Amino acid sequence: MANPLYDRLFGLHAGKDTPFLYLPDHSVMTHQGFLGRAAQIAHVLVQSGMTPGDRVAAQVEKSPEALALYAACAQAGLIFLPLNTAYTADELSYFIENSGASVVVCDGAKSDTLAPIAHKLGAKLETLNADGSGSLMSQAHEMPQAFATVDRDGEDLAAFLYTSGTTGRSKGAMLTQNNLLSNAETLAREWRFTADDVLLHALPIFHTHGLFVASNVTLVAGGSMIFLPKFDLDVVLARLPEATAMMGVPTFYTRLLGDARFTRELAAGMRLFVSGSAPLLAETHVQFEGRTGHRILERYGMTETNMNTSNPYEGERRAGTVGFPLPGVELKITNPETGDTLPDGEVGQIEVRGANVFKGYWQMPEKTAAELREDGFFITGDLGVIDADGYVQIVGRNKDLIISGGYNIYPKEIELVLDEGDGVLETAVIGVPHPDFGETVLGVVIPEPGQTPDLDALMEAVKAKLARFKHPRKLILMEELPRNTMGKVQKNILRDQFNDLFTS
């Protein structure tokens, strides 16, 4: 046997004294140095009692060591569970318990909060700080820089990514080695990545975009990354001339366009800009091309599938579309009621099938059966249309899921917090268009008769209980919610009413 994910992403670089990570302080970590650090972490995890198939939950800031933790899990046959750094203790408690994580790695500043949760759930707690310090690395530095890679099959699980639907609890999408590897290899080919590429990486690595697209594509191609902790406009502008490619969310590109220092000359050495995780406005496409001569390549993916479609590297990158199905990915538009395939030009739900599609939801067979058909097609929940030239266009969702800046947001979770407020009769949370984030969260509050809820107090309640990316950008008081004859709230009417609130 072998270990396909580790062997083909990391193992090929063993012994290479070539640059892998260019860091913010302008120091360089080589491929060899990175793999040595990952091996040391793998020793720590195994010596703590972990065995292949066990889960490692990580809520840590972006750092070379955080990325090495992912590599260590792959080498040791462990399942990696990256968690958004904005998640609160209540949210983390659910993820740790549901996943059955044996080890939890967190920032040292959060250890006091997480220690009782980990203890209660029988998980060992380690710390890893943004500067590479903490209990994990203090142990790792004493370990050998070589580790015997654990045999795994391509169908063995490699990662859990938690996603939210419009109802019910967060779901752990089970991703196999083949899921991750097949997508990375396909994208590297389609986007022409080679060992000569230097990717400007300013994305978080707890999300599929920054970890399983940007990092994996670079690794499988043998390239390098300018590894920045976050998107800082001044830093990105300063380091852009060192890069050949960049992957980002629409916000990155609107911020670049908003700065006069971002010029055609500054982007002259770049060969590719990729955008995803949220819809890119057609206007941004046009402005970006006018400023730089580059046309942004937009693609479409999901937590459960990684990437499904992409505009072409060579050929027309059509604004307002997400391009064509990737090689090895089948995509069809179906009738949401019957599941029948619709002809091109008709709007329906998007279904996809391929080696990229996940194995199912962890310990949720009913949810898996509802969204993953027996023939392997995954019902994405997105509504789309295929035009006469074969380009796929996303036109909306047949669920109320909000996607803001690439993060999935479950409206009911926010509504439950708002509904507890003094003087609140009921609430409705919707997503409305936003020029930077694709969508943003809007809360509509209906007061009890004769009451006037304190909107500031309601916002503070949300901030105390939920991650920042879930916070409503605004709360609006209304007398009543629109309903149909069956009494169901018609959120589509609210979305239409407030459609241009942040874009006009």
Protein backbone atom coordinates (compact mmCIF):
# COMPACT_ATOMS: atom_id res chain seq x y z
CA MET A 1 0.00 0.00 0.00
CA ALA A 2 0.89 3.64 0.10
CA ASN A 3 -0.62 6.92 1.20
CA PRO A 4 -1.84 8.66 -1.99
CA LEU A 5 -2.60 12.07 -0.45
CA TYR A 6 0.69 12.40 1.40
CA ASP A 7 2.78 10.76 -1.29
CA ARG A 8 1.53 12.96 -4.12
CA LEU A 9 1.09 16.26 -2.28
CA PHE A 10 4.01 16.16 0.13
CA GLY A 11 6.19 13.09 -0.39
CA LEU A 12 7.47 14.12 -3.81
CA HIS A 13 9.20 17.10 -2.20
CA ALA A 14 11.17 15.09 0.35
CA GLY A 15 14.79 16.24 0.37
CA LYS A 16 14.10 19.30 -1.77
CA ASP A 17 15.95 22.32 -0.46
CA THR A 18 13.83 24.61 -2.63
CA PRO A 19 11.57 27.43 -1.39
CA PHE A 20 8.05 26.49 -0.35
CA LEU A 21 6.82 29.30 1.92
CA TYR A 22 7.90 32.93 1.65
CA LEU A 23 6.91 34.37 5.02
CA PRO A 24 5.83 37.88 6.10
CA ASP A 25 9.27 38.65 7.57
CA HIS A 26 10.80 37.69 4.19
CA SER A 27 12.32 34.50 5.59
CA VAL A 28 11.89 31.30 3.58
CA MET A 29 10.82 27.80 4.58
CA THR A 30 11.95 25.12 2.17
CA HIS A 31 9.97 22.05 1.16
CA GLN A 32 12.42 19.94 3.16
CA GLY A 33 12.11 22.16 6.24
CA PHE A 34 8.32 22.09 6.03
CA LEU A 35 8.16 18.29 5.77
CA GLY A 36 10.57 17.95 8.67
CA ARG A 37 8.29 20.06 10.83
CA ALA A 38 5.24 18.06 9.74
CA ALA A 39 7.02 14.81 10.64
CA GLN A 40 7.80 16.16 14.11
CA ILE A 41 4.13 17.04 14.64
CA ALA A 42 3.09 13.58 13.42
CA HIS A 43 5.30 12.02 16.11
CA VAL A 44 3.60 14.13 18.80
CA LEU A 45 0.12 13.13 17.62
CA VAL A 46 0.94 9.43 17.47
CA GLN A 47 2.69 9.46 20.84
CA SER A 48 -0.44 11.00 22.34
CA GLY A 49 -2.23 7.76 21.44
CA MET A 50 -3.82 8.67 18.12
CA THR A 51 -4.30 5.93 15.53
CA PRO A 52 -5.30 6.07 11.84
CA GLY A 53 -8.85 7.35 11.40
CA ASP A 54 -8.83 9.44 14.60
CA ARG A 55 -9.82 13.10 14.31
CA VAL A 56 -7.70 16.19 15.01
CA ALA A 57 -9.72 19.40 15.46
CA ALA A 58 -7.75 22.63 14.94
CA GLN A 59 -8.84 26.19 15.62
CA VAL A 60 -5.60 28.05 15.11
CA GLU A 61 -4.31 31.16 13.41
CA LYS A 62 -2.67 30.80 10.01
CA SER A 63 1.00 29.89 10.21
CA PRO A 64 3.52 27.50 8.62
CA GLU A 65 3.02 25.21 11.63
CA ALA A 66 -0.76 25.23 11.13
CA LEU A 67 -0.27 24.08 7.55
CA ALA A 68 2.28 21.50 8.73
CA LEU A 69 -0.38 20.13 11.11
CA TYR A 70 -2.50 19.29 8.05
CA ALA A 71 0.49 17.54 6.44
CA ALA A 72 1.19 15.68 9.68
CA CYS A 73 -2.38 14.38 9.79
CA ALA A 74 -2.08 13.16 6.20
CA GLN A 75 1.21 11.39 6.96
CA ALA A 76 -0.11 9.75 10.13
CA GLY A 77 -3.44 8.70 8.57
CA LEU A 78 -5.47 11.04 10.80
CA ILE A 79 -8.58 12.99 9.83
CA PHE A 80 -7.99 16.74 9.84
CA LEU A 81 -10.80 19.02 11.03
CA PRO A 82 -9.98 22.72 10.46
CA LEU A 83 -12.31 25.11 12.31
CA ASN A 84 -13.03 28.77 11.66
CA THR A 85 -11.08 30.96 14.08
CA ALA A 86 -14.24 33.00 14.70
CA TYR A 87 -16.26 30.12 16.16
CA THR A 88 -17.36 30.60 19.77
CA ALA A 89 -16.99 28.10 22.60
CA ASP A 90 -20.59 26.91 22.19
CA GLU A 91 -20.04 26.23 18.51
CA LEU A 92 -16.71 24.50 19.11
CA SER A 93 -18.25 22.25 21.73
CA TYR A 94 -20.65 20.85 19.14
CA PHE A 95 -17.95 20.29 16.51
CA ILE A 96 -15.61 18.55 18.94
CA GLU A 97 -18.35 16.34 20.36
CA ASN A 98 -19.91 15.51 16.99
CA SER A 99 -16.60 14.66 15.35
CA GLY A 100 -15.30 12.69 18.31
CA ALA A 101 -11.97 14.49 18.03
CA SER A 102 -9.22 12.88 20.12
CA VAL A 103 -6.96 15.94 20.02
CA VAL A 104 -7.96 19.61 19.90
CA VAL A 105 -5.36 22.20 18.88
CA CYS A 106 -6.16 25.83 19.68
CA ASP A 107 -4.52 29.21 20.08
CA GLY A 108 -3.03 29.65 23.53
CA ALA A 109 -5.31 32.63 24.18
CA LYS A 110 -8.32 30.32 23.98
CA SER A 111 -6.97 27.40 26.00
CA ASP A 112 -8.64 28.44 29.26
CA THR A 113 -12.02 28.51 27.52
CA LEU A 114 -11.54 25.27 25.61
CA ALA A 115 -9.80 23.22 28.30
CA PRO A 116 -13.00 22.33 30.22
CA ILE A 117 -14.81 21.53 26.95
CA ALA A 118 -12.02 19.23 25.77
CA HIS A 119 -11.77 17.57 29.19
CA LYS A 120 -15.52 16.96 29.32
CA LEU A 121 -15.44 15.37 25.85
CA GLY A 122 -12.35 13.27 26.54
CA ALA A 123 -10.09 15.12 24.09
CA LYS A 124 -6.49 16.15 24.69
CA LEU A 125 -5.85 19.88 24.31
CA GLU A 126 -2.69 21.29 22.70
CA THR A 127 -1.86 24.91 21.89
CA LEU A 128 -0.39 26.41 18.73
CA ASN A 129 0.08 30.15 18.39
CA ALA A 130 0.52 32.25 15.28
CA ASP A 131 4.25 32.62 15.99
CA GLY A 132 4.72 28.84 16.14
CA SER A 133 4.94 28.67 19.92
CA GLY A 134 2.71 26.59 22.18
CA SER A 135 2.61 23.11 23.68
CA LEU A 136 2.34 21.32 20.33
CA MET A 137 5.55 22.70 18.89
CA SER A 138 7.47 22.60 22.19
CA GLN A 139 7.00 18.83 22.07
CA ALA A 140 7.52 18.63 18.31
CA HIS A 141 10.95 20.29 18.43
CA GLU A 142 12.19 17.31 20.47
CA MET A 143 11.05 14.82 17.83
CA PRO A 144 12.85 13.36 14.78
CA GLN A 145 12.36 15.13 11.45
CA ALA A 146 11.45 11.87 9.74
CA PHE A 147 8.25 9.86 10.21
CA ALA A 148 7.24 6.53 8.67
CA THR A 149 4.23 7.42 6.52
CA VAL A 150 1.15 5.41 7.46
CA ASP A 151 -0.47 3.33 4.72
CA ARG A 152 -3.87 4.61 3.64
CA ASP A 153 -6.22 3.92 0.76
CA GLY A 154 -7.55 6.60 -1.54
CA GLU A 155 -11.06 6.01 -0.18
CA ASP A 156 -9.96 6.52 3.43
CA LEU A 157 -11.15 9.75 5.02
CA ALA A 158 -8.68 12.64 5.08
CA ALA A 159 -10.72 15.57 6.41
CA PHE A 160 -14.00 16.75 7.86
CA LEU A 161 -15.35 20.16 6.91
CA TYR A 162 -18.44 21.34 8.75
CA THR A 163 -21.10 23.07 6.73
CA SER A 164 -24.50 24.49 7.56
CA GLY A 165 -27.79 23.92 5.81
CA THR A 166 -30.91 26.03 6.23
CA THR A 167 -32.36 23.79 8.91
CA GLY A 168 -30.88 21.53 11.54
CA ARG A 169 -27.38 21.12 12.89
CA SER A 170 -24.07 21.70 11.15
CA LYS A 171 -23.01 18.71 9.07
CA GLY A 172 -19.55 17.19 8.89
CA ALA A 173 -18.73 16.61 5.23
CA MET A 174 -16.47 13.57 4.98
CA LEU A 175 -13.71 14.10 2.39
CA THR A 176 -11.55 11.23 1.23
CA GLN A 177 -7.96 11.25 0.05
CA ASN A 178 -9.21 10.77 -3.51
CA ASN A 179 -11.65 13.69 -3.16
CA LEU A 180 -8.85 16.10 -2.25
CA LEU A 181 -6.18 14.69 -4.51
CA SER A 182 -8.25 14.36 -7.67
CA ASN A 183 -9.43 17.95 -7.41
CA ALA A 184 -5.95 19.32 -6.75
CA GLU A 185 -4.47 17.49 -9.73
CA THR A 186 -7.30 18.58 -12.03
CA LEU A 187 -7.04 22.24 -11.01
CA ALA A 188 -3.25 22.28 -11.35
CA ARG A 189 -3.61 21.00 -14.92
CA GLU A 190 -6.50 23.26 -15.87
CA TRP A 191 -4.92 26.39 -14.42
CA ARG A 192 -1.41 25.51 -15.69
CA PHE A 193 0.35 25.49 -12.33
CA THR A 194 4.01 24.39 -12.34
CA ALA A 195 6.97 24.33 -9.99
CA ASP A 196 7.84 27.82 -11.24
CA ASP A 197 4.66 29.36 -9.84
CA VAL A 198 4.62 31.57 -6.76
CA LEU A 199 1.10 31.87 -5.36
CA LEU A 200 0.20 34.92 -3.30
CA HIS A 201 -1.75 33.23 -0.47
CA ALA A 202 -3.75 35.61 1.75
CA LEU A 203 -6.72 33.29 2.35
CA PRO A 204 -7.54 31.55 5.64
CA ILE A 205 -6.59 27.87 5.79
CA PHE A 206 -9.59 26.65 7.80
CA HIS A 207 -11.68 26.87 4.62
CA THR A 208 -11.69 24.71 1.49
CA HIS A 209 -10.54 27.65 -0.68
CA GLY A 210 -7.33 28.41 1.16
CA LEU A 211 -6.48 24.86 2.20
CA PHE A 212 -7.77 22.37 -0.33
CA VAL A 213 -7.61 24.60 -3.41
CA ALA A 214 -4.76 27.11 -2.99
CA SER A 215 -2.39 25.04 -0.84
CA ASN A 216 -3.07 21.65 -2.43
CA VAL A 217 -2.72 22.98 -5.98
CA THR A 218 0.62 24.57 -5.10
CA LEU A 219 1.82 21.38 -3.44
CA VAL A 220 0.81 19.05 -6.25
CA ALA A 221 2.56 21.35 -8.74
CA GLY A 222 5.67 21.67 -6.59
CA GLY A 223 5.42 25.46 -6.49
CA SER A 224 5.77 27.97 -3.67
CA MET A 225 3.58 30.45 -1.81
CA ILE A 226 3.90 33.92 -0.37
CA PHE A 227 2.19 32.88 2.84
CA LEU A 228 0.46 35.87 4.43
CA PRO A 229 -1.61 35.65 7.65
CA LYS A 230 -4.47 37.64 6.11
CA PHE A 231 -5.33 40.06 3.33
CA ASP A 232 -3.54 43.29 4.20
CA LEU A 233 -3.80 45.69 1.26
CA ASP A 234 -0.42 47.34 1.80
CA VAL A 235 1.37 44.00 2.17
CA VAL A 236 -0.36 42.46 -0.85
CA LEU A 237 0.53 45.44 -3.02
CA ALA A 238 4.14 45.27 -1.83
CA ARG A 239 4.54 41.56 -2.52
CA LEU A 240 2.48 41.21 -5.68
CA PRO A 241 5.53 41.71 -7.96
CA GLU A 242 7.07 38.56 -6.40
CA ALA A 243 4.08 36.40 -7.37
CA THR A 244 2.84 34.72 -10.55
CA ALA A 245 -0.68 33.85 -9.36
CA MET A 246 -3.25 34.83 -6.77
CA MET A 247 -6.41 33.21 -5.47
CA GLY A 248 -8.92 35.33 -3.62
CA VAL A 249 -12.49 36.17 -2.76
CA PRO A 250 -14.25 39.09 -4.50
CA THR A 251 -13.41 41.39 -1.58
CA PHE A 252 -9.70 41.07 -2.40
CA TYR A 253 -10.26 42.34 -5.91
CA THR A 254 -12.57 45.21 -5.01
CA ARG A 255 -10.05 46.40 -2.43
CA LEU A 256 -7.21 46.24 -4.93
CA LEU A 257 -9.25 48.22 -7.44
CA GLY A 258 -9.97 50.82 -4.77
CA ASP A 259 -6.27 51.66 -4.45
CA ALA A 260 -4.50 53.80 -7.06
CA ARG A 261 -1.23 51.92 -6.41
CA PHE A 262 -2.72 48.82 -8.04
CA THR A 263 -1.66 49.36 -11.64
CA ARG A 264 -1.07 47.45 -14.83
CA GLU A 265 2.67 47.71 -14.19
CA LEU A 266 2.36 46.24 -10.69
CA ALA A 267 0.48 43.20 -12.06
CA ALA A 268 2.77 42.77 -15.08
CA GLY A 269 4.47 39.65 -13.71
CA MET A 270 1.21 37.87 -12.88
CA ARG A 271 -0.20 35.17 -15.12
CA LEU A 272 -3.44 34.32 -13.24
CA PHE A 273 -5.99 35.80 -10.85
CA VAL A 274 -8.65 33.38 -9.57
CA SER A 275 -11.81 34.32 -7.68
CA GLY A 276 -14.27 32.20 -5.78
CA SER A 277 -16.23 31.51 -2.56
CA ALA A 278 -18.75 34.24 -3.45
CA PRO A 279 -20.17 35.69 -6.67
CA LEU A 280 -17.97 38.21 -8.44
CA LEU A 281 -19.85 41.20 -9.81
CA ALA A 282 -19.63 41.56 -13.59
CA GLU A 283 -18.62 45.18 -13.01
CA THR A 284 -15.57 44.01 -11.07
CA HIS A 285 -14.57 41.80 -14.02
CA VAL A 286 -14.72 44.76 -16.38
CA GLN A 287 -12.91 47.19 -14.06
CA PHE A 288 -10.17 44.68 -13.30
CA GLU A 289 -9.49 43.96 -16.95
CA GLY A 290 -9.45 47.65 -17.75
CA ARG A 291 -6.97 48.37 -14.98
CA THR A 292 -4.59 45.43 -15.41
CA GLY A 293 -5.25 43.74 -18.73
CA HIS A 294 -6.01 40.53 -16.79
CA ARG A 295 -9.42 38.88 -16.84
CA ILE A 296 -10.21 37.22 -13.49
CA LEU A 297 -10.90 33.49 -13.70
CA GLU A 298 -14.05 32.65 -11.71
CA ARG A 299 -14.88 29.12 -10.60
CA TYR A 300 -17.54 27.31 -8.54
CA GLY A 301 -17.16 24.88 -5.68
CA MET A 302 -18.63 23.75 -2.40
CA THR A 303 -17.51 22.35 0.93
CA GLU A 304 -18.83 18.93 -0.08
CA THR A 305 -17.25 18.84 -3.51
CA ASN A 306 -14.27 21.20 -3.67
CA MET A 307 -14.29 22.67 -7.19
CA ASN A 308 -16.94 21.69 -9.75
CA THR A 309 -16.55 24.18 -12.60
CA SER A 310 -14.10 26.76 -13.89
CA ASN A 311 -13.90 29.37 -16.56
CA PRO A 312 -11.23 28.36 -19.08
CA TYR A 313 -7.56 29.24 -18.72
CA GLU A 314 -7.41 29.59 -22.49
CA GLY A 315 -10.57 30.97 -24.02
CA GLU A 316 -13.27 33.37 -22.91
CA ARG A 317 -13.63 33.90 -19.19
CA ARG A 318 -17.23 34.97 -19.25
CA ALA A 319 -18.34 37.44 -16.57
CA GLY A 320 -21.39 36.35 -14.60
CA THR A 321 -20.67 32.65 -15.16
CA VAL A 322 -18.58 30.00 -13.42
CA GLY A 323 -17.45 28.41 -16.67
CA PHE A 324 -17.63 24.73 -17.57
CA PRO A 325 -17.63 21.50 -15.55
CA LEU A 326 -14.07 20.45 -14.75
CA PRO A 327 -12.68 17.29 -16.40
CA GLY A 328 -14.01 14.29 -14.50
CA VAL A 329 -16.97 16.24 -13.12
CA GLU A 330 -20.46 15.63 -14.47
CA LEU A 331 -22.92 18.48 -14.00
CA LYS A 332 -26.61 18.56 -14.81
CA ILE A 333 -29.55 20.87 -14.20
CA THR A 334 -32.59 19.08 -12.80
CA ASN A 335 -36.16 19.73 -11.84
CA PRO A 336 -36.16 20.21 -8.04
CA GLU A 337 -39.48 18.39 -7.72
CA THR A 338 -38.88 15.36 -9.95
CA GLY A 339 -35.10 15.15 -10.34
CA ASP A 340 -35.49 14.94 -14.11
CA THR A 341 -32.72 16.49 -16.19
CA LEU A 342 -33.70 19.79 -17.80
CA PRO A 343 -32.56 20.98 -21.24
CA ASP A 344 -29.92 23.70 -21.55
CA GLY A 345 -31.37 27.16 -21.08
CA GLU A 346 -33.78 26.15 -18.32
CA VAL A 347 -33.20 27.04 -14.68
CA GLY A 348 -33.12 24.19 -12.18
CA GLN A 349 -31.09 22.73 -9.36
CA ILE A 350 -27.44 21.91 -9.96
CA GLU A 351 -26.32 18.33 -9.39
CA VAL A 352 -22.73 17.12 -9.72
CA ARG A 353 -20.94 13.78 -9.76
CA GLY A 354 -17.24 12.93 -9.83
CA ALA A 355 -14.19 11.90 -7.85
CA ASN A 356 -14.37 15.28 -6.12
CA VAL A 357 -17.76 14.59 -4.48
CA PHE A 358 -17.63 13.81 -0.76
CA LYS A 359 -18.48 10.50 0.87
CA GLY A 360 -21.41 11.77 2.95
CA TYR A 361 -22.18 13.55 6.21
CA TRP A 362 -20.59 12.20 9.38
CA GLN A 363 -23.13 10.26 11.45
CA MET A 364 -26.05 11.72 9.47
CA PRO A 365 -27.29 8.96 7.14
CA GLU A 366 -30.65 10.67 6.59
CA LYS A 367 -29.02 13.94 5.50
CA THR A 368 -26.62 12.01 3.29
CA ALA A 369 -29.46 10.10 1.63
CA ALA A 370 -31.42 13.33 1.09
CA GLU A 371 -28.58 15.13 -0.69
CA LEU A 372 -26.40 12.41 -2.20
CA ARG A 373 -28.25 10.22 -4.68
CA GLU A 374 -27.56 6.50 -4.98
CA ASP A 375 -26.08 7.08 -8.45
CA GLY A 376 -23.47 9.44 -6.97
CA PHE A 377 -24.99 12.78 -7.97
CA PHE A 378 -24.90 15.41 -5.22
CA ILE A 379 -27.81 17.85 -5.00
CA THR A 380 -25.98 21.12 -4.42
CA GLY A 381 -28.96 23.25 -3.39
CA ASP A 382 -27.89 25.87 -5.93
CA LEU A 383 -30.06 26.92 -8.83
CA GLY A 384 -28.37 27.36 -12.17
CA VAL A 385 -28.66 27.36 -15.93
CA ILE A 386 -26.37 26.20 -18.75
CA ASP A 387 -26.28 28.67 -21.63
CA ALA A 388 -26.08 27.90 -25.33
CA ASP A 389 -22.27 27.87 -25.21
CA GLY A 390 -22.12 25.50 -22.24
CA TYR A 391 -21.22 28.06 -19.58
CA VAL A 392 -22.80 27.47 -16.17
CA GLN A 393 -24.45 30.38 -14.43
CA ILE A 394 -25.50 30.35 -10.76
CA VAL A 395 -28.81 32.17 -10.43
CA GLY A 396 -29.67 31.56 -6.80
CA ARG A 397 -30.35 28.86 -4.24
CA ASN A 398 -33.38 26.73 -3.51
CA LYS A 399 -32.52 27.01 0.16
CA ASP A 400 -32.25 29.99 2.46
CA LEU A 401 -28.57 29.41 3.08
CA ILE A 402 -26.59 32.65 3.14
CA ILE A 403 -23.05 32.65 1.72
CA SER A 404 -21.13 35.72 2.82
CA GLY A 405 -17.48 36.05 1.87
CA GLY A 406 -17.41 32.34 1.18
CA TYR A 407 -18.74 31.32 4.61
CA ASN A 408 -21.98 29.38 4.94
CA ILE A 409 -24.44 30.97 7.36
CA TYR A 410 -27.53 29.25 8.72
CA PRO A 411 -30.29 31.88 9.25
CA LYS A 412 -32.22 29.93 11.90
CA GLU A 413 -29.22 29.99 14.22
CA ILE A 414 -29.23 33.81 14.20
CA GLU A 415 -33.02 34.01 14.42
CA LEU A 416 -33.04 31.91 17.59
CA VAL A 417 -30.71 34.39 19.30
CA LEU A 418 -32.69 37.43 18.13
CA ASP A 419 -36.01 35.85 19.13
CA GLU A 420 -34.83 35.73 22.75
CA GLY A 421 -34.55 39.53 22.90
CA ASP A 422 -36.83 41.68 25.01
CA GLY A 423 -39.88 42.92 23.12
CA VAL A 424 -39.24 40.68 20.11
CA LEU A 425 -42.18 38.79 18.64
CA GLU A 426 -40.36 37.09 15.78
CA THR A 427 -37.51 37.61 13.34
CA ALA A 428 -36.40 36.65 9.85
CA VAL A 429 -32.78 36.59 8.73
CA ILE A 430 -31.97 36.82 5.03
CA GLY A 431 -29.03 37.31 2.75
CA VAL A 432 -28.95 40.39 0.56
CA PRO A 433 -26.42 41.41 -2.13
CA HIS A 434 -23.20 43.07 -0.99
CA PRO A 435 -20.50 44.41 -3.34
CA ASP A 436 -17.59 42.93 -1.35
CA PHE A 437 -18.97 39.76 0.20
CA GLY A 438 -21.45 38.59 -2.43
CA GLU A 439 -24.10 38.50 0.26
CA THR A 440 -24.39 39.91 3.75
CA VAL A 441 -26.72 39.17 6.65
CA LEU A 442 -29.81 41.29 7.27
CA GLY A 443 -32.10 40.76 10.24
CA VAL A 444 -35.77 41.77 10.17
CA VAL A 445 -37.29 42.19 13.64
CA ILE A 446 -41.00 42.17 14.42
CA PRO A 447 -41.81 43.74 17.83
CA GLU A 448 -44.36 42.50 20.31
CA PRO A 449 -47.44 44.75 20.40
CA GLY A 450 -46.65 48.03 22.10
CA GLN A 451 -42.92 47.23 22.40
CA THR A 452 -39.83 48.74 20.78
CA PRO A 453 -36.92 46.30 20.93
CA ASP A 454 -33.45 47.73 21.55
CA LEU A 455 -31.66 46.87 18.31
CA ASP A 456 -28.23 47.62 19.79
CA ALA A 457 -28.89 45.17 22.63
CA LEU A 458 -29.98 42.53 20.12
CA MET A 459 -26.74 42.99 18.16
CA GLU A 460 -24.71 42.62 21.35
CA ALA A 461 -26.52 39.37 22.12
CA VAL A 462 -25.62 38.00 18.69
CA LYS A 463 -21.98 39.08 19.09
CA ALA A 464 -21.76 37.25 22.41
CA LYS A 465 -23.08 33.96 21.07
CA LEU A 466 -22.11 33.68 17.41
CA ALA A 467 -19.02 34.00 15.25
CA ARG A 468 -18.40 37.40 13.72
CA PHE A 469 -19.12 36.33 10.14
CA LYS A 470 -22.68 35.46 11.23
CA HIS A 471 -23.44 38.92 12.67
CA PRO A 472 -26.15 40.87 10.80
CA ARG A 473 -24.83 43.92 9.02
CA LYS A 474 -28.06 45.64 9.97
CA LEU A 475 -31.29 45.03 11.88
CA ILE A 476 -34.54 46.50 10.60
CA LEU A 477 -37.84 46.89 12.46
CA MET A 478 -41.03 45.96 10.57
CA GLU A 479 -44.64 45.61 11.62
CA GLU A 480 -45.10 42.11 10.21
CA LEU A 481 -43.46 39.48 8.02
CA PRO A 482 -44.87 38.61 4.59
CA ARG A 483 -46.52 35.17 4.61
CA ASN A 484 -48.27 32.91 2.13
CA THR A 485 -51.74 31.44 2.59
CA MET A 486 -50.25 28.58 4.63
CA GLY A 487 -48.65 31.03 7.04
CA LYS A 488 -45.09 30.39 5.87
CA VAL A 489 -42.78 33.40 5.91
CA GLN A 490 -41.92 34.42 2.36
CA LYS A 491 -38.28 35.35 2.61
CA ASN A 492 -38.09 35.84 -1.14
CA ILE A 493 -40.30 38.93 -0.74
CA LEU A 494 -38.01 40.29 1.95
CA ARG A 495 -34.98 39.66 -0.25
CA ASP A 496 -36.64 41.55 -3.10
CA GLN A 497 -37.59 44.41 -0.79
CA PHE A 498 -34.06 44.90 0.55
CA ASN A 499 -32.19 43.72 -2.54
CA ASP A 500 -30.33 47.01 -3.12
CA LEU A 501 -29.88 48.06 0.52
CA PHE A 502 -26.08 47.78 0.36
CA THR A 503 -25.48 48.07 -3.36
CA SER A 504 -27.33 51.22 -4.39
